[in-house]
Amino acid sequence: MELGEMGVQEEMPPPGPAQAAGGFAARPRAKPRGLPHPGPPRAARARGASPPPEHCTRRTALYAVLGKCRRARLRSPLRALPAARRGRLRQPLSLCLYALRDSLRPLYPNGWFRLLDSHGLPRGGVRSLAALGEQVAVFRALDGQVYVVDAYCPHLGANLAAGGRVVGNCIECPFHGWQFRGEDGKCTTIPYAEKVPDFAKIKTWPSCEINGMILVWYHCDGIDPVWAVPEQEEITSKEWVYRGHTEHFVNAHIQEIPENAADFAHLTFLHQPVFMSGVDLRYTHSKLWESVKHCWKGEWQPEPEPNKHCSQLVVKHSLTVFGKHFSLMDLAVRARQVGPGLVYLIFEHAFLGRGIILQSVTPVEPLLQHVVHKIYYQRSMPVVIPKFILKVECVQFERDIMIWNNKQYLSKPLLVKEDSAIPRHRRWFAQFYSENSTRFTFQKGVLDW
């Protein structure tokens, strides 16, 4: 999928025959929305297509080069460019790399991150997924327990999820039949060996399954989970049922996304135009829709111990038509951020009922985030209501994406008094970084992730 590509998917279909057998059935993908994007598709860049055109921003061109360089395992990012352009871009690109290194926070915060939905992994199923700069194999044992291990066999590097199968609570390598226990990664069987060495094992990742999602715990120092993901009782009890989801890929640092919760000024400008004006920011303030406006009032606060890893944004939404208040669209939203990668958006309406949107942000690789929104709503309400809410939320989120995909992260931004919540949010979010957190590093002629 192209970086920054956006699409909406409706309700998930039940697992097909291939999925039930642990295979890799392709999920239908929605038609991309028509937002402008300055570079060629990601797949095209990997095949050696031309770099982004000259009118692209330097930052966007830089990300395109870095992505190609990393996938091709090139030691210098300049080799990702055609020879005719290397000399012309050598100095500006190097300056950009140093500027990027100095301004960015660590690439991967510590916390829980979504890998996939529970229904996408049947008993005996195996999935290969990219997350947090790693490739992992996720499998469900025959007793229903989910395990996450490194994708590559320590024997000769075969991908355990590419042809591997589940045997009891172990995953079997498709290359030589080595079997690794999901609980601790210990190798239990080597078909042709008299004895299994004690040191034969594979790395395991702490995981949990809650609210219809499979999540993995990441910590740069290998520390076990220090907080748990809260369960939404209405989802567990089936009081609220699944009504659809959206998926997006965002070309930005992960901290940019939750930081929006503390940026109240952008609510009254970026999200004020009515959703019907679309997602292309060049036209959202058109005179056609200026008589209809969204009105937002929000307040962000971190939570005290023992939930210091959580924060809350309370938003009150209203709609005005020709300057008059349209009370039917009054909506109260409470967005609870849980760690760096999960948000619970609970909304209540006097007539339209209650529901929740679960937002998950998972870093795939440096500066590429996979964002999923899943909506659960009261079973008694018509399906059209949560579908409409999800559509409006999708439009507003894609406006943010157009900003994120083309902005620069500033470690020392120019702020005014009314922006005081932004530095407070940054101090709160800093708890998810450690001294050894993975950072962007660059040396002349060498690119290290």
Protein backbone atom coordinates (compact mmCIF):
# COMPACT_ATOMS: atom_id res chain seq x y z
CA MET A 1 0.00 0.00 0.00
CA GLU A 2 1.24 3.47 -0.80
CA LEU A 3 2.51 5.57 2.10
CA GLY A 4 -0.33 7.79 3.14
CA GLU A 5 -2.85 5.70 1.21
CA MET A 6 -6.25 5.89 2.81
CA GLY A 7 -9.34 3.77 2.51
CA VAL A 8 -12.48 2.70 4.29
CA GLN A 9 -13.52 -0.88 4.83
CA GLU A 10 -16.98 -1.90 5.93
CA GLU A 11 -17.84 -4.76 8.23
CA MET A 12 -15.34 -7.57 8.28
CA PRO A 13 -16.47 -10.72 6.51
CA PRO A 14 -16.20 -13.98 8.40
CA PRO A 15 -12.95 -15.89 7.91
CA GLY A 16 -12.85 -17.74 4.61
CA PRO A 17 -11.80 -21.34 4.02
CA ALA A 18 -8.16 -20.39 3.61
CA GLN A 19 -8.11 -18.50 6.88
CA ALA A 20 -9.86 -21.33 8.71
CA ALA A 21 -7.07 -23.61 7.58
CA GLY A 22 -4.40 -21.19 8.79
CA GLY A 23 -3.70 -19.80 5.34
CA PHE A 24 -3.29 -16.30 4.00
CA ALA A 25 -6.64 -15.45 2.45
CA ALA A 26 -6.53 -11.94 1.03
CA ARG A 27 -8.81 -9.40 2.67
CA PRO A 28 -10.73 -7.16 0.27
CA ARG A 29 -9.20 -3.71 0.15
CA ALA A 30 -11.09 -0.52 -0.33
CA LYS A 31 -10.53 1.85 -3.19
CA PRO A 32 -8.03 4.54 -2.13
CA ARG A 33 -9.42 7.98 -1.55
CA GLY A 34 -8.28 10.76 -3.83
CA LEU A 35 -5.89 12.71 -1.64
CA PRO A 36 -2.81 14.08 -3.39
CA HIS A 37 0.42 12.29 -2.57
CA PRO A 38 3.76 13.57 -3.76
CA GLY A 39 5.61 10.33 -4.36
CA PRO A 40 5.18 7.13 -6.39
CA PRO A 41 3.62 4.08 -4.69
CA ARG A 42 5.76 2.37 -2.13
CA ALA A 43 5.90 -0.81 -4.17
CA ALA A 44 6.99 1.13 -7.22
CA ARG A 45 9.85 2.73 -5.31
CA ALA A 46 11.03 -0.69 -4.18
CA ARG A 47 11.22 -1.77 -7.82
CA GLY A 48 13.55 1.11 -8.61
CA ALA A 49 11.08 3.66 -9.97
CA SER A 50 12.06 7.29 -10.22
CA PRO A 51 12.17 9.25 -6.94
CA PRO A 52 9.45 11.79 -6.15
CA PRO A 53 9.16 14.71 -8.59
CA GLU A 54 11.03 17.96 -8.04
CA HIS A 55 8.02 19.79 -6.60
CA CYS A 56 7.88 17.40 -3.61
CA THR A 57 8.91 18.70 -0.25
CA ARG A 58 12.42 17.80 0.83
CA ARG A 59 11.07 15.87 3.81
CA THR A 60 8.76 13.70 1.69
CA ALA A 61 11.58 12.95 -0.75
CA LEU A 62 13.81 12.08 2.19
CA TYR A 63 11.33 9.53 3.59
CA ALA A 64 10.96 7.96 0.16
CA VAL A 65 14.73 7.54 -0.15
CA LEU A 66 15.12 6.22 3.39
CA GLY A 67 12.37 3.66 2.86
CA LYS A 68 13.90 2.36 -0.34
CA CYS A 69 17.35 2.36 1.20
CA ARG A 70 16.22 0.30 4.17
CA ARG A 71 14.37 -2.27 2.08
CA ALA A 72 17.31 -2.65 -0.32
CA ARG A 73 19.80 -2.80 2.59
CA LEU A 74 21.90 -0.02 1.10
CA ARG A 75 24.60 1.45 3.34
CA SER A 76 24.21 4.92 1.90
CA PRO A 77 20.87 6.59 1.17
CA LEU A 78 22.44 8.30 -1.82
CA ARG A 79 22.66 4.94 -3.62
CA ALA A 80 18.87 4.84 -3.66
CA LEU A 81 18.92 7.70 -6.16
CA PRO A 82 19.80 7.56 -9.86
CA ALA A 83 23.45 8.37 -10.49
CA ALA A 84 22.57 11.55 -12.37
CA ARG A 85 20.90 13.00 -9.27
CA ARG A 86 23.34 11.96 -6.54
CA GLY A 87 25.71 14.85 -6.93
CA ARG A 88 22.93 17.41 -7.10
CA LEU A 89 21.20 16.14 -3.93
CA ARG A 90 24.18 15.02 -1.86
CA GLN A 91 24.49 18.14 0.28
CA PRO A 92 20.79 18.89 0.87
CA LEU A 93 20.00 15.24 1.63
CA SER A 94 22.82 15.00 4.17
CA LEU A 95 21.66 18.17 5.85
CA CYS A 96 18.11 16.78 5.98
CA LEU A 97 19.35 13.55 7.58
CA TYR A 98 21.19 15.40 10.32
CA ALA A 99 18.20 17.69 10.92
CA LEU A 100 15.87 14.68 11.11
CA ARG A 101 18.17 12.91 13.57
CA ASP A 102 18.30 15.90 15.90
CA SER A 103 14.57 16.70 15.86
CA LEU A 104 12.91 13.29 16.16
CA ARG A 105 12.03 11.49 19.36
CA PRO A 106 12.85 7.76 19.68
CA LEU A 107 11.16 5.75 16.95
CA TYR A 108 9.26 3.19 19.04
CA PRO A 109 7.70 3.98 22.44
CA ASN A 110 7.20 1.25 25.04
CA GLY A 111 3.70 -0.14 25.41
CA TRP A 112 0.94 -2.35 24.02
CA PHE A 113 0.26 -2.30 20.28
CA ARG A 114 -2.38 -3.98 18.14
CA LEU A 115 -1.24 -6.66 15.69
CA LEU A 116 -4.53 -7.93 14.26
CA ASP A 117 -8.15 -8.69 15.15
CA SER A 118 -9.05 -11.85 17.00
CA HIS A 119 -11.34 -13.17 14.27
CA GLY A 120 -8.42 -13.06 11.81
CA LEU A 121 -6.58 -15.84 13.63
CA PRO A 122 -8.52 -19.12 13.96
CA ARG A 123 -7.29 -22.11 15.94
CA GLY A 124 -4.19 -23.48 14.25
CA GLY A 125 -3.78 -20.28 12.23
CA VAL A 126 -0.43 -18.57 11.66
CA ARG A 127 0.17 -14.98 10.50
CA SER A 128 3.37 -13.16 9.57
CA LEU A 129 3.24 -9.47 10.50
CA ALA A 130 5.56 -6.48 10.43
CA ALA A 131 5.49 -4.27 13.51
CA LEU A 132 7.89 -2.06 15.43
CA GLY A 133 10.63 -2.65 12.91
CA GLU A 134 10.42 -6.41 13.46
CA GLN A 135 8.87 -9.35 11.65
CA VAL A 136 6.85 -11.56 13.98
CA ALA A 137 4.86 -14.78 13.65
CA VAL A 138 1.50 -14.84 15.43
CA PHE A 139 -0.21 -18.19 15.93
CA ARG A 140 -3.14 -19.59 17.85
CA ALA A 141 -2.55 -22.93 19.53
CA LEU A 142 -5.13 -25.69 19.39
CA ASP A 143 -6.28 -24.77 22.91
CA GLY A 144 -7.09 -21.24 21.70
CA GLN A 145 -4.12 -19.44 23.29
CA VAL A 146 -2.35 -16.84 21.13
CA TYR A 147 1.45 -16.60 20.98
CA VAL A 148 3.80 -14.12 19.32
CA VAL A 149 7.36 -15.15 18.40
CA ASP A 150 10.11 -13.92 16.11
CA ALA A 151 9.23 -14.82 12.54
CA TYR A 152 12.59 -16.28 11.55
CA CYS A 153 13.82 -19.68 12.67
CA PRO A 154 17.21 -19.43 14.45
CA HIS A 155 18.36 -22.55 12.59
CA LEU A 156 18.69 -21.26 9.04
CA GLY A 157 16.36 -18.28 8.97
CA ALA A 158 13.16 -19.67 7.44
CA ASN A 159 9.98 -17.68 8.07
CA LEU A 160 7.92 -19.75 10.49
CA ALA A 161 4.68 -18.20 9.25
CA ALA A 162 5.36 -18.91 5.56
CA GLY A 163 4.26 -22.53 5.44
CA GLY A 164 4.73 -23.30 9.11
CA ARG A 165 1.99 -25.11 11.02
CA VAL A 166 0.77 -25.33 14.58
CA VAL A 167 1.43 -28.55 16.47
CA GLY A 168 -0.21 -28.48 19.90
CA ASN A 169 1.08 -25.29 21.50
CA CYS A 170 4.16 -25.18 19.26
CA ILE A 171 4.90 -23.72 15.86
CA GLU A 172 6.74 -25.94 13.38
CA CYS A 173 9.34 -24.59 10.98
CA PRO A 174 8.43 -25.43 7.37
CA PHE A 175 12.12 -25.89 6.43
CA HIS A 176 13.42 -28.65 8.72
CA GLY A 177 10.55 -29.37 11.09
CA TRP A 178 11.99 -27.75 14.22
CA GLN A 179 9.20 -27.08 16.73
CA PHE A 180 9.21 -24.10 19.13
CA ARG A 181 6.96 -23.77 22.15
CA GLY A 182 4.88 -20.60 22.08
CA GLU A 183 5.00 -20.02 25.83
CA ASP A 184 8.76 -19.66 26.25
CA GLY A 185 10.20 -20.19 22.74
CA LYS A 186 12.04 -23.38 23.71
CA CYS A 187 12.73 -25.80 20.88
CA THR A 188 11.04 -29.08 21.76
CA THR A 189 11.66 -31.20 18.67
CA ILE A 190 14.36 -31.53 16.00
CA PRO A 191 13.27 -34.49 13.84
CA TYR A 192 16.75 -35.60 12.76
CA ALA A 193 18.71 -34.81 15.96
CA GLU A 194 19.36 -37.16 18.88
CA LYS A 195 19.16 -34.32 21.38
CA VAL A 196 17.71 -30.82 21.40
CA PRO A 197 20.30 -28.30 22.68
CA ASP A 198 19.24 -26.34 25.75
CA PHE A 199 20.10 -23.07 24.03
CA ALA A 200 17.87 -23.79 21.03
CA LYS A 201 15.03 -21.33 21.42
CA ILE A 202 13.34 -18.39 19.73
CA LYS A 203 12.40 -14.99 21.10
CA THR A 204 8.85 -14.68 22.39
CA TRP A 205 6.83 -11.49 22.81
CA PRO A 206 4.32 -10.86 25.64
CA SER A 207 0.83 -10.70 24.14
CA CYS A 208 -2.78 -10.45 25.18
CA GLU A 209 -6.20 -10.76 23.58
CA ILE A 210 -8.81 -8.25 24.64
CA ASN A 211 -11.66 -6.22 23.12
CA GLY A 212 -11.52 -8.34 19.97
CA MET A 213 -7.85 -7.51 19.34
CA ILE A 214 -4.53 -9.31 19.65
CA LEU A 215 -1.89 -7.01 21.11
CA VAL A 216 1.84 -7.31 21.65
CA TRP A 217 3.94 -5.71 24.37
CA TYR A 218 7.07 -3.87 23.27
CA HIS A 219 9.82 -2.59 25.53
CA CYS A 220 13.28 -1.73 24.29
CA ASP A 221 14.90 -3.20 27.42
CA GLY A 222 12.86 -6.42 27.35
CA ILE A 223 10.94 -5.52 30.52
CA ASP A 224 7.69 -7.41 31.10
CA PRO A 225 4.37 -5.50 30.90
CA VAL A 226 4.00 -2.91 33.67
CA TRP A 227 0.34 -2.09 32.97
CA ALA A 228 -2.62 -3.93 31.49
CA VAL A 229 -5.00 -3.03 28.67
CA PRO A 230 -8.45 -2.25 30.12
CA GLU A 231 -11.39 -4.36 29.07
CA GLN A 232 -14.48 -2.65 27.66
CA GLU A 233 -17.30 -4.47 29.40
CA GLU A 234 -19.93 -3.59 26.78
CA ILE A 235 -17.83 -5.31 24.08
CA THR A 236 -17.18 -8.41 26.16
CA SER A 237 -20.84 -8.75 27.12
CA LYS A 238 -21.96 -8.18 23.49
CA GLU A 239 -24.06 -5.19 24.57
CA TRP A 240 -22.15 -3.23 21.93
CA VAL A 241 -21.58 -5.03 18.62
CA TYR A 242 -19.07 -4.51 15.85
CA ARG A 243 -20.30 -2.19 13.07
CA GLY A 244 -17.27 -1.53 10.86
CA HIS A 245 -13.70 -0.28 10.71
CA THR A 246 -11.28 1.91 8.78
CA GLU A 247 -7.56 1.51 8.13
CA HIS A 248 -4.95 4.12 7.27
CA PHE A 249 -1.17 4.30 6.90
CA VAL A 250 0.37 7.53 8.14
CA ASN A 251 3.82 8.72 7.10
CA ALA A 252 4.83 10.43 10.35
CA HIS A 253 6.30 9.89 13.79
CA ILE A 254 3.90 8.07 16.12
CA GLN A 255 3.88 10.92 18.65
CA GLU A 256 2.31 13.27 16.10
CA ILE A 257 -0.99 11.35 16.23
CA PRO A 258 -1.83 11.35 19.97
CA GLU A 259 -0.45 14.89 20.32
CA ASN A 260 -3.52 16.12 18.45
CA ALA A 261 -5.51 15.54 21.64
CA ALA A 262 -3.75 18.48 23.28
CA ASP A 263 -3.92 20.73 20.22
CA PHE A 264 -7.30 22.40 20.74
CA ALA A 265 -6.63 25.17 18.22
CA HIS A 266 -6.55 22.72 15.32
CA LEU A 267 -10.03 21.49 16.27
CA THR A 268 -11.59 24.89 15.68
CA PHE A 269 -9.81 25.41 12.36
CA LEU A 270 -8.97 22.12 10.65
CA HIS A 271 -12.11 20.32 11.80
CA GLN A 272 -14.55 23.22 11.77
CA PRO A 273 -15.69 22.86 8.12
CA VAL A 274 -18.58 20.45 7.79
CA PHE A 275 -17.56 16.89 6.90
CA MET A 276 -19.34 17.15 3.55
CA SER A 277 -16.65 19.57 2.36
CA GLY A 278 -14.29 16.60 2.06
CA VAL A 279 -10.71 15.84 3.07
CA ASP A 280 -8.66 17.89 0.61
CA LEU A 281 -7.64 20.89 2.69
CA ARG A 282 -7.44 23.11 -0.37
CA TYR A 283 -11.22 23.02 -0.66
CA THR A 284 -12.62 22.37 2.83
CA HIS A 285 -13.12 26.11 3.47
CA SER A 286 -15.10 26.61 0.26
CA LYS A 287 -18.02 29.04 0.26
CA LEU A 288 -20.40 26.23 -0.69
CA TRP A 289 -20.38 24.80 2.83
CA GLU A 290 -19.37 27.80 4.94
CA SER A 291 -22.90 28.10 6.35
CA VAL A 292 -22.56 24.73 8.14
CA LYS A 293 -19.84 24.36 10.76
CA HIS A 294 -18.70 21.94 13.43
CA CYS A 295 -18.04 23.49 16.84
CA TRP A 296 -15.63 21.85 19.27
CA LYS A 297 -14.71 22.46 22.90
CA GLY A 298 -12.11 20.22 24.48
CA GLU A 299 -10.01 19.71 27.59
CA TRP A 300 -7.05 17.34 27.97
CA GLN A 301 -5.67 16.04 31.26
CA PRO A 302 -3.31 13.20 32.24
CA GLU A 303 -4.61 10.68 34.76
CA PRO A 304 -2.99 10.26 38.20
CA GLU A 305 -1.45 7.09 39.62
CA PRO A 306 -1.96 4.19 39.20
CA ASN A 307 -3.07 5.13 35.68
CA LYS A 308 -0.32 7.58 34.81
CA HIS A 309 0.01 5.81 31.45
CA CYS A 310 -3.47 7.11 30.56
CA SER A 311 -4.84 10.53 29.67
CA GLN A 312 -8.29 11.85 28.84
CA LEU A 313 -9.65 14.30 26.31
CA VAL A 314 -13.24 15.46 26.86
CA VAL A 315 -14.82 16.99 23.75
CA LYS A 316 -18.22 18.57 23.29
CA HIS A 317 -19.40 18.79 19.70
CA SER A 318 -22.20 20.86 18.23
CA LEU A 319 -23.29 21.91 14.75
CA THR A 320 -24.40 25.32 13.53
CA VAL A 321 -26.42 25.97 10.38
CA PHE A 322 -26.43 29.59 9.20
CA GLY A 323 -25.19 30.52 12.66
CA LYS A 324 -28.02 28.72 14.47
CA HIS A 325 -27.42 25.83 16.84
CA PHE A 326 -28.59 22.45 15.49
CA SER A 327 -29.13 20.52 18.74
CA LEU A 328 -29.70 17.12 17.11
CA MET A 329 -25.96 16.89 16.42
CA ASP A 330 -24.84 17.63 19.99
CA LEU A 331 -22.42 14.91 20.96
CA ALA A 332 -20.23 14.28 24.02
CA VAL A 333 -17.00 12.38 23.35
CA ARG A 334 -14.54 11.10 25.95
CA ALA A 335 -11.28 9.96 24.39
CA ARG A 336 -9.10 7.96 26.77
CA GLN A 337 -5.52 7.43 25.62
CA VAL A 338 -4.12 4.17 27.01
CA GLY A 339 -0.37 4.07 26.51
CA PRO A 340 1.14 5.30 23.25
CA GLY A 341 -0.90 3.18 20.83
CA LEU A 342 -4.51 2.77 22.04
CA VAL A 343 -7.43 5.21 22.33
CA TYR A 344 -10.97 4.53 23.56
CA LEU A 345 -13.39 7.08 22.06
CA ILE A 346 -16.68 6.75 23.92
CA PHE A 347 -19.55 8.90 22.69
CA GLU A 348 -23.02 9.49 24.02
CA HIS A 349 -26.02 11.06 22.32
CA ALA A 350 -29.45 11.82 23.75
CA PHE A 351 -31.30 10.05 20.93
CA LEU A 352 -28.67 8.13 18.94
CA GLY A 353 -27.40 6.04 21.83
CA ARG A 354 -23.90 5.11 23.00
CA GLY A 355 -20.92 3.43 21.41
CA ILE A 356 -17.14 3.34 21.17
CA ILE A 357 -14.43 3.69 18.54
CA LEU A 358 -11.26 1.78 19.36
CA GLN A 359 -8.28 3.51 17.75
CA SER A 360 -4.99 1.64 17.51
CA VAL A 361 -1.71 3.08 16.25
CA THR A 362 1.03 0.54 15.51
CA PRO A 363 4.46 1.54 14.17
CA VAL A 364 5.27 -0.68 11.20
CA GLU A 365 8.73 0.72 10.58
CA PRO A 366 10.42 4.06 11.22
CA LEU A 367 8.00 6.89 10.44
CA LEU A 368 5.22 4.61 9.16
CA GLN A 369 2.15 4.06 11.36
CA HIS A 370 -0.75 1.65 10.81
CA VAL A 371 -3.92 3.21 12.25
CA VAL A 372 -7.16 1.25 12.66
CA HIS A 373 -10.53 2.53 13.91
CA LYS A 374 -13.15 -0.04 14.96
CA ILE A 375 -16.63 1.00 16.00
CA TYR A 376 -18.90 -0.90 18.39
CA TYR A 377 -22.43 0.33 18.99
CA GLN A 378 -25.61 -0.53 20.81
CA ARG A 379 -27.23 -3.58 19.28
CA SER A 380 -30.66 -1.96 19.42
CA MET A 381 -29.67 1.00 17.22
CA PRO A 382 -30.00 0.89 13.40
CA VAL A 383 -26.75 0.05 11.63
CA VAL A 384 -26.87 3.29 9.66
CA ILE A 385 -26.13 5.35 12.81
CA PRO A 386 -22.69 3.88 13.67
CA LYS A 387 -21.84 3.71 9.96
CA PHE A 388 -22.54 7.43 9.68
CA ILE A 389 -20.48 8.22 12.78
CA LEU A 390 -17.56 6.16 11.46
CA LYS A 391 -17.77 7.92 8.10
CA VAL A 392 -17.66 11.38 9.70
CA GLU A 393 -14.77 10.33 11.93
CA CYS A 394 -12.91 8.96 8.89
CA VAL A 395 -13.28 12.24 7.00
CA GLN A 396 -12.00 14.25 9.95
CA PHE A 397 -9.08 11.86 10.50
CA GLU A 398 -8.03 12.03 6.86
CA ARG A 399 -7.79 15.79 7.15
CA ASP A 400 -5.24 15.22 9.90
CA ILE A 401 -3.40 12.74 7.69
CA MET A 402 -2.89 15.33 4.98
CA ILE A 403 -1.14 17.46 7.61
CA TRP A 404 0.89 14.63 9.15
CA ASN A 405 2.12 13.28 5.82
CA ASN A 406 3.59 16.66 4.90
CA LYS A 407 4.69 18.22 8.20
CA GLN A 408 7.92 18.24 10.17
CA TYR A 409 8.20 17.28 13.82
CA LEU A 410 9.61 20.23 15.78
CA SER A 411 11.21 19.43 19.12
CA LYS A 412 11.12 23.14 20.04
CA PRO A 413 7.97 24.56 18.43
CA LEU A 414 6.94 28.21 18.60
CA LEU A 415 3.95 28.22 20.95
CA VAL A 416 1.62 30.81 22.45
CA LYS A 417 -0.12 30.79 25.84
CA GLU A 418 -3.19 29.05 24.41
CA ASP A 419 -0.98 26.11 23.32
CA SER A 420 0.03 25.27 26.91
CA ALA A 421 -1.48 21.75 26.72
CA ILE A 422 0.98 20.70 23.99
CA PRO A 423 4.18 20.82 26.13
CA ARG A 424 2.25 19.16 28.97
CA HIS A 425 1.27 16.35 26.60
CA ARG A 426 4.86 15.95 25.46
CA ARG A 427 6.08 15.64 29.03
CA TRP A 428 3.38 13.02 29.67
CA PHE A 429 4.22 11.05 26.52
CA ALA A 430 7.96 11.04 27.37
CA GLN A 431 7.29 8.31 29.97
CA PHE A 432 7.01 5.79 27.13
CA TYR A 433 10.63 6.29 26.08
CA SER A 434 13.68 4.80 27.77
CA GLU A 435 17.37 5.54 27.64
CA ASN A 436 17.86 2.63 25.23
CA SER A 437 14.87 3.39 22.99
CA THR A 438 15.62 2.96 19.29
CA ARG A 439 16.62 6.26 17.75
CA PHE A 440 17.31 7.49 14.26
CA THR A 441 21.09 7.60 13.85
CA PHE A 442 23.08 8.68 10.85
CA GLN A 443 26.77 8.71 10.07
CA LYS A 444 28.35 9.87 6.87
CA GLY A 445 27.98 7.14 4.27
CA VAL A 446 26.14 4.81 6.68
CA LEU A 447 22.49 4.60 7.63
CA ASP A 448 21.68 2.77 10.87
CA TRP A 449 18.17 2.17 12.20
